Amino acid sequence: MNGAGVGGALLIGIGNPLRGDDGVGWHLVEGLGLQCHQLTPELAEAVAAADRLLIVDAWLAPPQSGSLLRPLAAAGDWERDTHRVDPARLLALAEQLFDRCVPAHELLVPAFDFSWGDRFSPGLRRQLPEARRLLHGWLQGAVPEGA
């Protein structure tokens, strides 16, 4: 993991930069936030310390889908699975351990190719301008209606 956050906002990019489009989360938050292969319970402290949270990840989306910025809510209870933590459970853990529930969103970028390699597919490259626009808008406080 590298980075920290921007003005009280915590950005977490998830994925594997050596698996094609799966590395888009790493790519988009580079220099702005944390980069990790998967969410882990250890991130709960950083989440609780943030003013707000954005998780950026690849999304195996239906055809013709675009990047999606949507709100996240904490899942009911923390389930003690330390191998894989989804965003809602990470928020629940931060709330349970640190009594802090931060406003959170996730930015999902349509991905098409998860094969070995450090290059993005043409389809994902077409998605990058919109994903960047949504990310920078979120950093400025702009959240689409309904998100």
Protein backbone atom coordinates (compact mmCIF):
# COMPACT_ATOMS: atom_id res chain seq x y z
CA MET A 1 0.00 0.00 0.00
CA ASN A 2 1.14 3.54 -0.73
CA GLY A 3 -0.26 7.01 -0.29
CA ALA A 4 -2.58 8.42 2.32
CA GLY A 5 -5.44 10.62 1.22
CA VAL A 6 -6.48 14.05 0.02
CA GLY A 7 -7.76 16.73 2.39
CA GLY A 8 -9.34 14.32 4.87
CA ALA A 9 -10.69 12.09 2.11
CA LEU A 10 -9.40 8.53 1.91
CA LEU A 11 -9.18 6.88 -1.50
CA ILE A 12 -8.53 3.15 -1.75
CA GLY A 13 -7.77 1.57 -5.11
CA ILE A 14 -8.31 -2.19 -5.20
CA GLY A 15 -6.97 -4.69 -7.71
CA ASN A 16 -3.98 -6.42 -9.18
CA PRO A 17 -1.94 -4.22 -11.52
CA LEU A 18 -0.52 -7.35 -13.18
CA ARG A 19 -3.96 -8.66 -14.21
CA GLY A 20 -4.95 -6.28 -16.99
CA ASP A 21 -8.06 -4.26 -16.27
CA ASP A 22 -8.12 -5.41 -12.64
CA GLY A 23 -5.41 -2.82 -11.92
CA VAL A 24 -7.63 0.17 -12.74
CA GLY A 25 -8.25 0.96 -9.04
CA TRP A 26 -4.49 1.17 -8.43
CA HIS A 27 -4.06 3.30 -11.52
CA LEU A 28 -6.76 5.85 -10.68
CA VAL A 29 -5.71 6.48 -7.07
CA GLU A 30 -1.97 6.52 -7.72
CA GLY A 31 -0.50 9.40 -5.73
CA LEU A 32 -3.90 10.15 -4.16
CA GLY A 33 -4.55 7.25 -1.82
CA LEU A 34 -3.92 3.66 -0.80
CA GLN A 35 -3.39 0.87 -3.30
CA CYS A 36 -4.11 -2.72 -2.28
CA HIS A 37 -4.89 -6.10 -3.80
CA GLN A 38 -7.94 -6.56 -1.59
CA LEU A 39 -9.62 -4.94 1.38
CA THR A 40 -8.46 -6.23 4.76
CA PRO A 41 -9.56 -5.59 8.37
CA GLU A 42 -6.38 -3.58 8.96
CA LEU A 43 -7.83 -0.78 6.82
CA ALA A 44 -10.63 -0.12 9.33
CA GLU A 45 -8.50 2.31 11.37
CA ALA A 46 -7.64 4.43 8.31
CA VAL A 47 -11.30 4.39 7.24
CA ALA A 48 -12.45 5.55 10.69
CA ALA A 49 -9.86 8.35 10.69
CA ALA A 50 -11.04 9.74 7.34
CA ASP A 51 -13.67 12.41 6.78
CA ARG A 52 -15.03 10.45 3.80
CA LEU A 53 -14.09 7.40 1.76
CA LEU A 54 -13.94 6.44 -1.90
CA ILE A 55 -13.17 2.87 -2.94
CA VAL A 56 -12.17 2.44 -6.60
CA ASP A 57 -12.37 -0.99 -8.21
CA ALA A 58 -12.79 -2.82 -11.52
CA TRP A 59 -16.30 -4.06 -12.28
CA LEU A 60 -17.23 -6.97 -14.53
CA ALA A 61 -20.12 -4.97 -15.93
CA PRO A 62 -22.85 -5.82 -18.40
CA PRO A 63 -22.16 -4.68 -22.00
CA GLN A 64 -22.61 -0.95 -22.66
CA SER A 65 -22.23 -0.09 -18.96
CA GLY A 66 -20.29 2.96 -17.86
CA SER A 67 -18.37 3.84 -14.74
CA LEU A 68 -20.59 3.87 -11.69
CA LEU A 69 -20.28 6.08 -8.62
CA ARG A 70 -22.62 4.94 -5.87
CA PRO A 71 -22.99 5.35 -2.12
CA LEU A 72 -21.81 2.70 0.31
CA ALA A 73 -23.48 1.83 3.59
CA ALA A 74 -22.07 -0.28 6.39
CA ALA A 75 -23.29 -3.88 6.37
CA GLY A 76 -25.20 -4.98 9.46
CA ASP A 77 -22.60 -6.89 11.45
CA TRP A 78 -18.93 -7.54 10.98
CA GLU A 79 -18.37 -11.14 9.97
CA ARG A 80 -14.98 -12.32 11.08
CA ASP A 81 -13.72 -13.39 7.67
CA THR A 82 -10.21 -12.00 7.46
CA HIS A 83 -9.46 -13.40 4.01
CA ARG A 84 -11.74 -11.09 2.03
CA VAL A 85 -13.57 -8.02 3.21
CA ASP A 86 -16.10 -6.27 0.99
CA PRO A 87 -16.53 -2.47 1.23
CA ALA A 88 -19.76 -2.61 3.27
CA ARG A 89 -18.18 -4.95 5.83
CA LEU A 90 -15.08 -2.74 6.07
CA LEU A 91 -17.33 0.20 6.93
CA ALA A 92 -19.14 -1.95 9.51
CA LEU A 93 -15.84 -2.92 11.10
CA ALA A 94 -14.66 0.71 11.28
CA GLU A 95 -17.95 1.63 12.95
CA GLN A 96 -17.81 -1.29 15.39
CA LEU A 97 -14.17 -0.79 16.42
CA PHE A 98 -13.89 2.99 16.32
CA ASP A 99 -17.52 4.09 16.70
CA ARG A 100 -17.21 6.11 13.50
CA CYS A 101 -19.28 5.79 10.35
CA VAL A 102 -17.84 7.89 7.52
CA PRO A 103 -19.69 8.89 4.35
CA ALA A 104 -18.53 6.48 1.67
CA HIS A 105 -18.86 5.84 -2.05
CA GLU A 106 -17.46 3.34 -4.49
CA LEU A 107 -16.36 4.03 -8.02
CA LEU A 108 -16.73 0.95 -10.20
CA VAL A 109 -15.04 1.00 -13.59
CA PRO A 110 -16.17 -1.50 -16.26
CA ALA A 111 -13.42 -4.04 -16.91
CA PHE A 112 -13.15 -6.52 -19.74
CA ASP A 113 -9.82 -8.35 -19.58
CA PHE A 114 -8.32 -9.86 -16.42
CA SER A 115 -5.55 -11.83 -18.11
CA TRP A 116 -1.91 -11.57 -17.03
CA GLY A 117 -0.25 -8.35 -18.10
CA ASP A 118 0.06 -4.72 -17.14
CA ARG A 119 -1.94 -3.21 -20.01
CA PHE A 120 -5.56 -2.12 -20.04
CA SER A 121 -7.97 -3.42 -22.67
CA PRO A 122 -9.25 -1.00 -25.34
CA GLY A 123 -12.69 -1.13 -23.67
CA LEU A 124 -11.31 -0.05 -20.30
CA ARG A 125 -9.16 2.66 -21.87
CA ARG A 126 -12.36 4.14 -23.33
CA GLN A 127 -13.82 4.20 -19.78
CA LEU A 128 -10.89 6.03 -18.17
CA PRO A 129 -11.91 9.65 -18.99
CA GLU A 130 -15.35 9.17 -17.40
CA ALA A 131 -13.87 7.37 -14.39
CA ARG A 132 -11.34 10.18 -13.88
CA ARG A 133 -14.12 12.78 -14.20
CA LEU A 134 -16.17 11.01 -11.52
CA LEU A 135 -13.16 10.60 -9.22
CA HIS A 136 -12.11 14.25 -9.49
CA GLY A 137 -15.70 15.37 -9.11
CA TRP A 138 -15.97 13.30 -5.93
CA LEU A 139 -12.77 14.88 -4.60
CA GLN A 140 -14.35 18.30 -5.20
CA GLY A 141 -17.50 17.25 -3.37
CA ALA A 142 -19.65 16.63 -6.43
CA VAL A 143 -21.68 13.47 -6.08
CA PRO A 144 -24.17 12.50 -8.80
CA GLU A 145 -27.85 12.63 -7.88
CA GLY A 146 -28.90 9.43 -6.14
CA ALA A 147 -25.33 8.62 -5.12
